[in-house]
């Protein structure tokens, strides 16, 4: 079974739901519509007894480089609170999905792409991948639950460094820090993800479901509150001059010059 949604390719085969962010020309930067399509796919198959595992990945050479900041025929405008709501909806849908969800990070994960990856139950990445909370580069704050998801994995000090300094964290360092589950060589990535997917698809679905819920309930107690705080803060920042300057600098490929509070 295959279905095409805005910027997303969805297939179900042999117990595996595969959701692929499919905007390779934009390095899989997401729009509100793309995020809603991912959430719709998860909602649609959450009660399907034939689905035993889900995989979220990206087409081409990136996983997801965040929200699309470039206006084009398929992008109605810059990110808005609707985009944040859609991202939060995806994170909640991954969390509620009754089967394990693998985040197969096949390339850079930046901005809300980090949130989408870390919402998954097992996050695996290619050796050449990296993780980047790029929000402050355009005058924004992390969203999509990132302030909880990152801190829950690697602690406050490292999370604050990623969020404030917007430094790239290479996949191997992300693994060593406890941010992700495993790293595979680029050449072996597809086969390794397939093997992991098959292992989960062949496992005990009810045990996986209850285990997933128990671990997430124990470690992500602040996720809902984080999403609400992020939305409140981001609404202020989206209307601020620094965001306009950040987007202009991004589009013009120059350093941003931010104002003073």
Foldseek 3Di string as FASTA:
>chain_A
DWDDFVQWIWDDDQQEIEIERHPVVQLSADALRSLLVLLVSLVVCLPPPSHAEYEQAYPDQFGYAYHDLDDDPVHPHGDALSSLVSLLSNLVSQLQRQHAYEYETRAEQEASSLLNQLSGPAYEYAQHYKYWDCQVQLQAFGASLLLQSQCLFQHDVVSCCRGPVRDIGGPVNCVVSRSHHYYDHNVCSVVVVVVVSVVRSPDDSNVRRVVSNVVCVVRRVCRVVRNVVRSVRRNVRVPDPSNVQSSVCVVVVHRGDDDDD
